[in-house]
C-alpha atoms as a PDB file:
ATOM      1  CA  UNK A   1      25.568 -29.306  -1.721  1.00  0.00           C
ATOM      2  CA  UNK A   2      28.513 -27.587  -0.219  1.00  0.00           C
ATOM      3  CA  UNK A   3      30.808 -28.352  -3.003  1.00  0.00           C
ATOM      4  CA  UNK A   4      28.128 -26.981  -5.461  1.00  0.00           C
ATOM      5  CA  UNK A   5      27.718 -23.674  -3.681  1.00  0.00           C
ATOM      6  CA  UNK A   6      31.345 -23.329  -3.112  1.00  0.00           C
ATOM      7  CA  UNK A   7      32.054 -23.281  -6.826  1.00  0.00           C
ATOM      8  CA  UNK A   8      31.999 -19.648  -8.114  1.00  0.00           C
ATOM      9  CA  UNK A   9      31.112 -20.844 -11.676  1.00  0.00           C
ATOM     10  CA  UNK A  10      28.186 -22.729 -10.583  1.00  0.00           C
ATOM     11  CA  UNK A  11      26.900 -19.788  -8.487  1.00  0.00           C
ATOM     12  CA  UNK A  12      27.415 -17.537 -11.497  1.00  0.00           C
ATOM     13  CA  UNK A  13      25.516 -19.841 -13.815  1.00  0.00           C
ATOM     14  CA  UNK A  14      22.591 -19.948 -11.134  1.00  0.00           C
ATOM     15  CA  UNK A  15      22.482 -16.253 -10.735  1.00  0.00           C
ATOM     16  CA  UNK A  16      23.081 -15.152 -14.400  1.00  0.00           C
ATOM     17  CA  UNK A  17      19.430 -15.475 -15.661  1.00  0.00           C
ATOM     18  CA  UNK A  18      18.163 -13.428 -12.711  1.00  0.00           C
ATOM     19  CA  UNK A  19      20.791 -10.925 -13.075  1.00  0.00           C
ATOM     20  CA  UNK A  20      20.308 -10.635 -16.858  1.00  0.00           C
ATOM     21  CA  UNK A  21      16.523  -9.994 -16.263  1.00  0.00           C
ATOM     22  CA  UNK A  22      17.103  -7.487 -13.701  1.00  0.00           C
ATOM     23  CA  UNK A  23      19.513  -5.541 -15.699  1.00  0.00           C
ATOM     24  CA  UNK A  24      17.229  -5.584 -18.763  1.00  0.00           C
ATOM     25  CA  UNK A  25      14.103  -4.434 -16.802  1.00  0.00           C
ATOM     26  CA  UNK A  26      15.561  -2.349 -14.227  1.00  0.00           C
ATOM     27  CA  UNK A  27      19.089  -0.878 -14.931  1.00  0.00           C
ATOM     28  CA  UNK A  28      18.677  -0.414 -18.710  1.00  0.00           C
ATOM     29  CA  UNK A  29      15.596   1.669 -18.511  1.00  0.00           C
ATOM     30  CA  UNK A  30      16.973   3.846 -15.762  1.00  0.00           C
ATOM     31  CA  UNK A  31      20.266   4.526 -17.762  1.00  0.00           C
ATOM     32  CA  UNK A  32      18.107   5.075 -20.912  1.00  0.00           C
ATOM     33  CA  UNK A  33      15.935   7.637 -19.027  1.00  0.00           C
ATOM     34  CA  UNK A  34      19.120   9.302 -17.500  1.00  0.00           C
ATOM     35  CA  UNK A  35      20.530   9.611 -21.043  1.00  0.00           C
ATOM     36  CA  UNK A  36      17.325  11.135 -22.430  1.00  0.00           C
ATOM     37  CA  UNK A  37      17.362  13.751 -19.733  1.00  0.00           C
ATOM     38  CA  UNK A  38      20.391  15.369 -21.671  1.00  0.00           C
ATOM     39  CA  UNK A  39      18.455  15.540 -25.014  1.00  0.00           C
ATOM     40  CA  UNK A  40      15.492  17.402 -26.202  1.00  0.00           C
ATOM     41  CA  UNK A  41      12.846  16.317 -28.782  1.00  0.00           C
ATOM     42  CA  UNK A  42      11.077  13.058 -29.636  1.00  0.00           C
ATOM     43  CA  UNK A  43      11.088  10.217 -32.083  1.00  0.00           C
ATOM     44  CA  UNK A  44       9.257  12.411 -34.657  1.00  0.00           C
ATOM     45  CA  UNK A  45      11.346  15.530 -34.601  1.00  0.00           C
ATOM     46  CA  UNK A  46      14.556  13.815 -33.661  1.00  0.00           C
ATOM     47  CA  UNK A  47      16.654  14.284 -30.636  1.00  0.00           C
ATOM     48  CA  UNK A  48      19.198  17.148 -29.957  1.00  0.00           C
ATOM     49  CA  UNK A  49      21.841  17.215 -27.249  1.00  0.00           C
ATOM     50  CA  UNK A  50      21.113  20.101 -24.933  1.00  0.00           C
ATOM     51  CA  UNK A  51      23.373  19.267 -21.969  1.00  0.00           C
ATOM     52  CA  UNK A  52      22.162  20.579 -18.660  1.00  0.00           C
ATOM     53  CA  UNK A  53      19.440  22.772 -20.150  1.00  0.00           C
ATOM     54  CA  UNK A  54      16.533  20.572 -19.079  1.00  0.00           C
ATOM     55  CA  UNK A  55      17.746  20.779 -15.522  1.00  0.00           C
ATOM     56  CA  UNK A  56      18.033  24.599 -15.690  1.00  0.00           C
ATOM     57  CA  UNK A  57      14.565  24.557 -17.188  1.00  0.00           C
ATOM     58  CA  UNK A  58      13.106  22.516 -14.302  1.00  0.00           C
ATOM     59  CA  UNK A  59      14.278  24.914 -11.683  1.00  0.00           C
ATOM     60  CA  UNK A  60      12.901  27.995 -13.679  1.00  0.00           C
ATOM     61  CA  UNK A  61       9.575  26.258 -14.764  1.00  0.00           C
ATOM     62  CA  UNK A  62       6.683  27.584 -12.552  1.00  0.00           C
ATOM     63  CA  UNK A  63       4.575  24.531 -13.522  1.00  0.00           C
ATOM     64  CA  UNK A  64       7.233  22.158 -12.351  1.00  0.00           C
ATOM     65  CA  UNK A  65       8.030  24.057  -9.051  1.00  0.00           C
ATOM     66  CA  UNK A  66       4.188  24.224  -8.394  1.00  0.00           C
ATOM     67  CA  UNK A  67       3.907  20.302  -9.020  1.00  0.00           C
ATOM     68  CA  UNK A  68       6.941  19.695  -6.833  1.00  0.00           C
ATOM     69  CA  UNK A  69       5.408  21.442  -3.881  1.00  0.00           C
ATOM     70  CA  UNK A  70       2.079  19.632  -4.302  1.00  0.00           C
ATOM     71  CA  UNK A  71       3.958  16.379  -4.254  1.00  0.00           C
ATOM     72  CA  UNK A  72       5.946  17.252  -1.195  1.00  0.00           C
ATOM     73  CA  UNK A  73       2.956  18.861   0.738  1.00  0.00           C
ATOM     74  CA  UNK A  74       0.925  15.767  -0.185  1.00  0.00           C
ATOM     75  CA  UNK A  75       3.732  13.310   0.779  1.00  0.00           C
ATOM     76  CA  UNK A  76       4.390  14.901   4.295  1.00  0.00           C
ATOM     77  CA  UNK A  77       0.705  15.390   5.121  1.00  0.00           C
ATOM     78  CA  UNK A  78      -0.042  11.626   3.989  1.00  0.00           C
ATOM     79  CA  UNK A  79       3.025  10.227   5.678  1.00  0.00           C
ATOM     80  CA  UNK A  80       2.182  11.831   8.958  1.00  0.00           C
ATOM     81  CA  UNK A  81      -1.564  10.607   8.823  1.00  0.00           C
ATOM     82  CA  UNK A  82      -0.702   7.064   7.797  1.00  0.00           C
ATOM     83  CA  UNK A  83       2.016   6.319  10.229  1.00  0.00           C
ATOM     84  CA  UNK A  84       0.244   8.018  13.125  1.00  0.00           C
ATOM     85  CA  UNK A  85      -3.176   6.372  12.514  1.00  0.00           C
ATOM     86  CA  UNK A  86      -1.352   3.196  11.799  1.00  0.00           C
ATOM     87  CA  UNK A  87       0.579   3.240  15.003  1.00  0.00           C
ATOM     88  CA  UNK A  88      -2.487   4.118  17.108  1.00  0.00           C
ATOM     89  CA  UNK A  89      -4.382   1.154  15.524  1.00  0.00           C
ATOM     90  CA  UNK A  90      -1.377  -0.995  16.116  1.00  0.00           C
ATOM     91  CA  UNK A  91      -1.231   0.038  19.849  1.00  0.00           C
ATOM     92  CA  UNK A  92      -4.979  -0.820  20.169  1.00  0.00           C
ATOM     93  CA  UNK A  93      -4.543  -4.217  18.706  1.00  0.00           C
ATOM     94  CA  UNK A  94      -1.649  -4.941  21.062  1.00  0.00           C
ATOM     95  CA  UNK A  95      -2.677  -3.226  24.306  1.00  0.00           C
ATOM     96  CA  UNK A  96      -6.610  -3.137  24.120  1.00  0.00           C
ATOM     97  CA  UNK A  97      -8.064  -5.786  21.674  1.00  0.00           C
ATOM     98  CA  UNK A  98      -5.112  -8.375  22.081  1.00  0.00           C
ATOM     99  CA  UNK A  99      -6.146 -11.680  20.764  1.00  0.00           C
ATOM    100  CA  UNK A 100      -9.533 -10.384  19.515  1.00  0.00           C
ATOM    101  CA  UNK A 101      -8.017  -8.001  17.142  1.00  0.00           C
ATOM    102  CA  UNK A 102      -8.066 -10.294  14.109  1.00  0.00           C
ATOM    103  CA  UNK A 103     -11.490  -9.281  12.837  1.00  0.00           C
ATOM    104  CA  UNK A 104     -10.686  -5.484  13.301  1.00  0.00           C
ATOM    105  CA  UNK A 105      -7.238  -5.920  11.460  1.00  0.00           C
ATOM    106  CA  UNK A 106      -9.031  -7.526   8.621  1.00  0.00           C
ATOM    107  CA  UNK A 107     -11.714  -4.990   8.474  1.00  0.00           C
ATOM    108  CA  UNK A 108      -9.295  -2.026   8.401  1.00  0.00           C
ATOM    109  CA  UNK A 109      -6.847  -3.673   6.057  1.00  0.00           C
ATOM    110  CA  UNK A 110      -9.597  -4.389   3.536  1.00  0.00           C
ATOM    111  CA  UNK A 111      -9.517  -1.160   1.539  1.00  0.00           C
ATOM    112  CA  UNK A 112      -5.842  -1.704   0.895  1.00  0.00           C
ATOM    113  CA  UNK A 113      -6.783  -4.529  -1.646  1.00  0.00           C
ATOM    114  CA  UNK A 114      -9.028  -2.236  -3.519  1.00  0.00           C
ATOM    115  CA  UNK A 115      -7.898  -0.767  -6.924  1.00  0.00           C
ATOM    116  CA  UNK A 116      -6.697   2.906  -6.258  1.00  0.00           C
ATOM    117  CA  UNK A 117      -8.777   4.090  -9.062  1.00  0.00           C
ATOM    118  CA  UNK A 118     -11.995   2.525  -7.738  1.00  0.00           C
ATOM    119  CA  UNK A 119     -11.241   4.151  -4.379  1.00  0.00           C
ATOM    120  CA  UNK A 120     -10.958   7.547  -6.050  1.00  0.00           C
ATOM    121  CA  UNK A 121     -14.119   7.068  -7.893  1.00  0.00           C
ATOM    122  CA  UNK A 122     -15.952   6.123  -4.682  1.00  0.00           C
ATOM    123  CA  UNK A 123     -14.767   9.292  -2.758  1.00  0.00           C
ATOM    124  CA  UNK A 124     -15.687  11.335  -5.964  1.00  0.00           C
ATOM    125  CA  UNK A 125     -19.160  10.026  -5.679  1.00  0.00           C
ATOM    126  CA  UNK A 126     -19.393  10.436  -1.949  1.00  0.00           C
ATOM    127  CA  UNK A 127     -18.573  14.311  -2.130  1.00  0.00           C
ATOM    128  CA  UNK A 128     -20.446  14.927  -5.537  1.00  0.00           C
ATOM    129  CA  UNK A 129     -23.114  17.673  -5.772  1.00  0.00           C
ATOM    130  CA  UNK A 130     -25.942  18.411  -8.248  1.00  0.00           C
ATOM    131  CA  UNK A 131     -28.383  15.714  -9.569  1.00  0.00           C
ATOM    132  CA  UNK A 132     -26.079  12.941  -8.496  1.00  0.00           C
ATOM    133  CA  UNK A 133     -25.897  14.331  -4.776  1.00  0.00           C
ATOM    134  CA  UNK A 134     -23.399  12.320  -2.538  1.00  0.00           C
ATOM    135  CA  UNK A 135     -24.005  11.150   0.934  1.00  0.00           C
ATOM    136  CA  UNK A 136     -21.641  13.677   2.331  1.00  0.00           C
ATOM    137  CA  UNK A 137     -23.583  16.525   1.009  1.00  0.00           C
ATOM    138  CA  UNK A 138     -26.899  14.825   1.675  1.00  0.00           C
ATOM    139  CA  UNK A 139     -25.869  14.842   5.355  1.00  0.00           C
ATOM    140  CA  UNK A 140     -24.964  18.567   5.295  1.00  0.00           C
ATOM    141  CA  UNK A 141     -28.289  19.328   3.671  1.00  0.00           C
ATOM    142  CA  UNK A 142     -30.090  17.146   6.250  1.00  0.00           C
ATOM    143  CA  UNK A 143     -28.778  19.435   9.081  1.00  0.00           C
ATOM    144  CA  UNK A 144     -29.532  22.540   7.177  1.00  0.00           C
ATOM    145  CA  UNK A 145     -26.311  23.251   5.387  1.00  0.00           C
ATOM    146  CA  UNK A 146     -25.738  24.034   1.791  1.00  0.00           C
ATOM    147  CA  UNK A 147     -23.967  21.673  -0.538  1.00  0.00           C
ATOM    148  CA  UNK A 148     -20.293  21.956  -0.681  1.00  0.00           C
ATOM    149  CA  UNK A 149     -18.369  21.512  -3.913  1.00  0.00           C
ATOM    150  CA  UNK A 150     -15.185  19.927  -2.293  1.00  0.00           C
ATOM    151  CA  UNK A 151     -13.555  19.326  -5.760  1.00  0.00           C
ATOM    152  CA  UNK A 152     -14.016  22.846  -6.959  1.00  0.00           C
ATOM    153  CA  UNK A 153     -11.130  24.048  -4.676  1.00  0.00           C
ATOM    154  CA  UNK A 154      -7.545  23.062  -4.186  1.00  0.00           C
ATOM    155  CA  UNK A 155      -7.779  22.766  -0.456  1.00  0.00           C
ATOM    156  CA  UNK A 156     -11.144  20.773  -0.708  1.00  0.00           C
ATOM    157  CA  UNK A 157      -9.597  18.419  -3.365  1.00  0.00           C
ATOM    158  CA  UNK A 158      -6.330  17.857  -1.094  1.00  0.00           C
ATOM    159  CA  UNK A 159      -8.487  17.174   1.841  1.00  0.00           C
ATOM    160  CA  UNK A 160     -10.680  14.660   0.069  1.00  0.00           C
ATOM    161  CA  UNK A 161      -7.399  13.057  -1.409  1.00  0.00           C
ATOM    162  CA  UNK A 162      -5.761  12.920   1.985  1.00  0.00           C
ATOM    163  CA  UNK A 163      -8.761  11.293   3.644  1.00  0.00           C
ATOM    164  CA  UNK A 164      -9.132   8.823   0.768  1.00  0.00           C
ATOM    165  CA  UNK A 165      -5.257   7.926   1.343  1.00  0.00           C
ATOM    166  CA  UNK A 166      -5.698   7.467   5.113  1.00  0.00           C
ATOM    167  CA  UNK A 167      -8.754   5.257   4.628  1.00  0.00           C
ATOM    168  CA  UNK A 168      -7.257   3.146   2.166  1.00  0.00           C
ATOM    169  CA  UNK A 169      -3.690   2.540   3.518  1.00  0.00           C
ATOM    170  CA  UNK A 170      -3.812   2.968   7.413  1.00  0.00           C
ATOM    171  CA  UNK A 171      -4.661  -0.603   7.683  1.00  0.00           C
ATOM    172  CA  UNK A 172      -1.538  -1.734   5.989  1.00  0.00           C
ATOM    173  CA  UNK A 173       0.646   0.525   8.279  1.00  0.00           C
ATOM    174  CA  UNK A 174      -1.266  -0.697  11.285  1.00  0.00           C
ATOM    175  CA  UNK A 175      -0.489  -4.376  10.375  1.00  0.00           C
ATOM    176  CA  UNK A 176       3.218  -3.447   9.523  1.00  0.00           C
ATOM    177  CA  UNK A 177       3.624  -1.638  12.935  1.00  0.00           C
ATOM    178  CA  UNK A 178       1.712  -4.255  14.793  1.00  0.00           C
ATOM    179  CA  UNK A 179       4.294  -6.886  13.767  1.00  0.00           C
ATOM    180  CA  UNK A 180       7.030  -4.505  15.086  1.00  0.00           C
ATOM    181  CA  UNK A 181       5.123  -4.139  18.438  1.00  0.00           C
ATOM    182  CA  UNK A 182       4.857  -7.821  18.818  1.00  0.00           C
ATOM    183  CA  UNK A 183       8.660  -8.033  18.654  1.00  0.00           C
ATOM    184  CA  UNK A 184       8.962  -6.132  22.023  1.00  0.00           C
ATOM    185  CA  UNK A 185       9.577  -8.617  24.855  1.00  0.00           C
ATOM    186  CA  UNK A 186       6.768  -9.028  27.229  1.00  0.00           C
ATOM    187  CA  UNK A 187       9.326  -9.047  30.213  1.00  0.00           C
ATOM    188  CA  UNK A 188      10.427  -5.485  29.404  1.00  0.00           C
ATOM    189  CA  UNK A 189       6.637  -4.148  29.343  1.00  0.00           C
ATOM    190  CA  UNK A 190       6.064  -5.903  32.596  1.00  0.00           C
ATOM    191  CA  UNK A 191       9.143  -4.522  34.190  1.00  0.00           C
ATOM    192  CA  UNK A 192       8.103  -1.021  33.063  1.00  0.00           C
ATOM    193  CA  UNK A 193       4.650  -1.553  34.579  1.00  0.00           C
ATOM    194  CA  UNK A 194       6.216  -2.646  37.951  1.00  0.00           C
ATOM    195  CA  UNK A 195       8.351   0.421  37.904  1.00  0.00           C
ATOM    196  CA  UNK A 196       5.232   2.476  37.759  1.00  0.00           C
ATOM    197  CA  UNK A 197       5.083   3.295  33.900  1.00  0.00           C
ATOM    198  CA  UNK A 198       1.660   3.125  32.335  1.00  0.00           C
ATOM    199  CA  UNK A 199      -0.415   4.576  29.668  1.00  0.00           C
ATOM    200  CA  UNK A 200       1.064   7.473  27.888  1.00  0.00           C
ATOM    201  CA  UNK A 201       4.533   7.152  29.833  1.00  0.00           C
ATOM    202  CA  UNK A 202       4.704   3.569  28.936  1.00  0.00           C
ATOM    203  CA  UNK A 203       4.201   4.178  25.356  1.00  0.00           C
ATOM    204  CA  UNK A 204       6.440   7.270  25.163  1.00  0.00           C
ATOM    205  CA  UNK A 205       9.411   5.874  27.174  1.00  0.00           C
ATOM    206  CA  UNK A 206       9.270   2.146  26.326  1.00  0.00           C
ATOM    207  CA  UNK A 207       7.166   1.296  23.324  1.00  0.00           C
ATOM    208  CA  UNK A 208       8.210   3.976  20.956  1.00  0.00           C
ATOM    209  CA  UNK A 209      11.893   3.813  21.517  1.00  0.00           C
ATOM    210  CA  UNK A 210      11.864  -0.044  21.122  1.00  0.00           C
ATOM    211  CA  UNK A 211       9.684   0.096  17.903  1.00  0.00           C
ATOM    212  CA  UNK A 212      11.699   2.843  16.396  1.00  0.00           C
ATOM    213  CA  UNK A 213      13.377   0.721  13.515  1.00  0.00           C
ATOM    214  CA  UNK A 214       9.962  -0.385  12.168  1.00  0.00           C
ATOM    215  CA  UNK A 215       8.553   3.261  12.619  1.00  0.00           C
ATOM    216  CA  UNK A 216      11.574   4.648  10.545  1.00  0.00           C
ATOM    217  CA  UNK A 217      10.903   2.029   7.845  1.00  0.00           C
ATOM    218  CA  UNK A 218       7.273   2.972   7.735  1.00  0.00           C
ATOM    219  CA  UNK A 219       7.970   6.641   7.414  1.00  0.00           C
ATOM    220  CA  UNK A 220      10.422   6.070   4.465  1.00  0.00           C
ATOM    221  CA  UNK A 221       8.199   3.606   2.704  1.00  0.00           C
ATOM    222  CA  UNK A 222       5.114   5.814   3.236  1.00  0.00           C
ATOM    223  CA  UNK A 223       6.912   8.964   1.947  1.00  0.00           C
ATOM    224  CA  UNK A 224       8.424   7.322  -1.108  1.00  0.00           C
ATOM    225  CA  UNK A 225       5.139   5.918  -2.107  1.00  0.00           C
ATOM    226  CA  UNK A 226       3.185   9.022  -1.532  1.00  0.00           C
ATOM    227  CA  UNK A 227       5.580  11.191  -3.209  1.00  0.00           C
ATOM    228  CA  UNK A 228       5.022   9.238  -6.415  1.00  0.00           C
ATOM    229  CA  UNK A 229       1.045   9.463  -6.090  1.00  0.00           C
ATOM    230  CA  UNK A 230      -0.348   9.575  -9.479  1.00  0.00           C
ATOM    231  CA  UNK A 231      -3.531   7.533 -10.216  1.00  0.00           C
ATOM    232  CA  UNK A 232      -5.474   8.441  -7.118  1.00  0.00           C
ATOM    233  CA  UNK A 233      -5.149  12.206  -7.881  1.00  0.00           C
ATOM    234  CA  UNK A 234      -5.782  11.757 -11.509  1.00  0.00           C
ATOM    235  CA  UNK A 235      -8.906   9.710 -11.076  1.00  0.00           C
ATOM    236  CA  UNK A 236     -10.229  12.028  -8.222  1.00  0.00           C
ATOM    237  CA  UNK A 237      -9.985  15.403 -10.176  1.00  0.00           C
ATOM    238  CA  UNK A 238      -7.449  15.001 -12.850  1.00  0.00           C
ATOM    239  CA  UNK A 239      -4.960  17.190 -11.012  1.00  0.00           C
ATOM    240  CA  UNK A 240      -7.491  20.147 -10.678  1.00  0.00           C
ATOM    241  CA  UNK A 241      -8.974  22.468 -10.463  1.00  0.00           C
ATOM    242  CA  UNK A 242      -6.770  23.684 -13.272  1.00  0.00           C
ATOM    243  CA  UNK A 243      -3.435  22.129 -12.325  1.00  0.00           C
ATOM    244  CA  UNK A 244      -3.460  23.168  -8.744  1.00  0.00           C
ATOM    245  CA  UNK A 245      -3.320  19.646  -7.341  1.00  0.00           C
ATOM    246  CA  UNK A 246      -1.043  18.149 -10.118  1.00  0.00           C
ATOM    247  CA  UNK A 247       1.730  16.136  -8.577  1.00  0.00           C
ATOM    248  CA  UNK A 248       5.084  15.908 -10.034  1.00  0.00           C
ATOM    249  CA  UNK A 249       4.350  12.381 -11.506  1.00  0.00           C
ATOM    250  CA  UNK A 250       1.189  13.733 -13.297  1.00  0.00           C
ATOM    251  CA  UNK A 251       3.264  16.723 -14.751  1.00  0.00           C
ATOM    252  CA  UNK A 252       5.925  14.279 -15.936  1.00  0.00           C
ATOM    253  CA  UNK A 253       3.367  12.111 -17.495  1.00  0.00           C
ATOM    254  CA  UNK A 254       1.854  15.127 -19.462  1.00  0.00           C
ATOM    255  CA  UNK A 255       5.103  16.431 -20.426  1.00  0.00           C
ATOM    256  CA  UNK A 256       6.462  13.053 -21.743  1.00  0.00           C
ATOM    257  CA  UNK A 257       3.415  11.325 -23.170  1.00  0.00           C
ATOM    258  CA  UNK A 258       0.959  14.223 -24.103  1.00  0.00           C
ATOM    259  CA  UNK A 259       3.473  16.852 -25.230  1.00  0.00           C
ATOM    260  CA  UNK A 260       6.057  14.190 -26.351  1.00  0.00           C
ATOM    261  CA  UNK A 261       8.975  16.035 -24.603  1.00  0.00           C
ATOM    262  CA  UNK A 262      10.744  12.838 -23.774  1.00  0.00           C
ATOM    263  CA  UNK A 263      13.951  14.630 -22.624  1.00  0.00           C
ATOM    264  CA  UNK A 264      12.344  17.044 -20.143  1.00  0.00           C
ATOM    265  CA  UNK A 265      10.004  14.263 -18.949  1.00  0.00           C
ATOM    266  CA  UNK A 266      12.993  12.195 -18.141  1.00  0.00           C
ATOM    267  CA  UNK A 267      14.646  15.134 -16.153  1.00  0.00           C
ATOM    268  CA  UNK A 268      11.364  15.450 -14.098  1.00  0.00           C
ATOM    269  CA  UNK A 269      11.520  11.679 -13.326  1.00  0.00           C
ATOM    270  CA  UNK A 270      15.320  11.918 -12.380  1.00  0.00           C
ATOM    271  CA  UNK A 271      14.483  15.013  -9.998  1.00  0.00           C
ATOM    272  CA  UNK A 272      11.823  12.867  -8.357  1.00  0.00           C
ATOM    273  CA  UNK A 273      14.119   9.951  -7.972  1.00  0.00           C
ATOM    274  CA  UNK A 274      16.779  12.170  -6.455  1.00  0.00           C
ATOM    275  CA  UNK A 275      14.191  13.627  -3.969  1.00  0.00           C
ATOM    276  CA  UNK A 276      13.162  10.183  -2.706  1.00  0.00           C
ATOM    277  CA  UNK A 277      16.913   9.163  -2.392  1.00  0.00           C
ATOM    278  CA  UNK A 278      17.585  12.401  -0.517  1.00  0.00           C
ATOM    279  CA  UNK A 279      14.941  12.023   1.912  1.00  0.00           C
ATOM    280  CA  UNK A 280      15.691   8.220   2.501  1.00  0.00           C
ATOM    281  CA  UNK A 281      19.272   8.999   3.213  1.00  0.00           C
ATOM    282  CA  UNK A 282      18.318  11.895   5.595  1.00  0.00           C
ATOM    283  CA  UNK A 283      16.044   9.715   7.562  1.00  0.00           C
ATOM    284  CA  UNK A 284      18.647   6.927   7.883  1.00  0.00           C
ATOM    285  CA  UNK A 285      21.346   9.509   8.814  1.00  0.00           C
ATOM    286  CA  UNK A 286      19.131  11.016  11.386  1.00  0.00           C
ATOM    287  CA  UNK A 287      18.202   7.595  12.905  1.00  0.00           C
ATOM    288  CA  UNK A 288      22.012   6.446  12.957  1.00  0.00           C
ATOM    289  CA  UNK A 289      22.858   9.726  14.852  1.00  0.00           C
ATOM    290  CA  UNK A 290      20.279   8.887  17.588  1.00  0.00           C
ATOM    291  CA  UNK A 291      21.366   5.468  17.836  1.00  0.00           C
ATOM    292  CA  UNK A 292      25.048   6.547  18.190  1.00  0.00           C
ATOM    293  CA  UNK A 293      23.914   9.323  20.807  1.00  0.00           C
END
């Protein structure tokens, strides 16, 4: 076995099929999309080289800037809620429920396995008004209030979308952070308790610093996934009312596949990728500075 894996030709032959598939399915589409961002047109009209015009157009396009802000605001609020709620649940599992947390973990994690579109339709029915009154407005009516059309306003739609995101994904982050908390040695926790640390002081000065690597990973994973939100906002309110809750992914989809502007659509996709890359590098750099300090 050592002779086989010591031969470079053997290693190359074993890895070649995987590398070829990876290049064809990952790198070629990315390179193709990057090349398209320098062209304008589609397969019917033909393509024309326009250089950096699509990038200039992006920064002067009010609809693109609005969608960019929708994506950033949604990603920031969703990341904060997902990670904070997930961390609180993880602390509950470790320090309160302990060995009896299996049922709670399963129950909280369950929404994660549901299709995103099904969850969006569920929440749309929960807040619906009119002849198909949802339970939320039925409760408001029961206490004497008037029905609220949550999906008729930008803020209402964003609130429903964020609550939906928290409900469906906090179980995943709770399990992810729970595994990180289990790696903290019990001896350190007991030593801190003997020194008088307990409750909030124990969490603030011992638990959070020792679980920082898994916290940073959760933040990066959450921000990058919520920045690319698409199907949930599309199914919930189609990016409405109007286009006020249309994220950058939805604007890219409409530009490329409804208006057949493949070049500009590729430019929007590239800008979204760069945004994810910049955020990830910024978080890594910030965490490295803290470790060095």
